[in-house]
Amino acid sequence: MPVTLEDGIAALACAEAATRSAQAGETVVIAPHFIEN
């Protein structure tokens, strides 16, 4: 399965959001264009 730079950027955005969410104890919204597919 090919992986693109866009896939990597989306994964990084998810990881950063998860980190912020865990630190704050709150849900963090990810920009919709990262989770369209």
Foldseek 3Di string as FASTA:
>chain_A
DDDDVLNVVLVVQVVVQVVVCVVVVHHDDGPVVSPVD
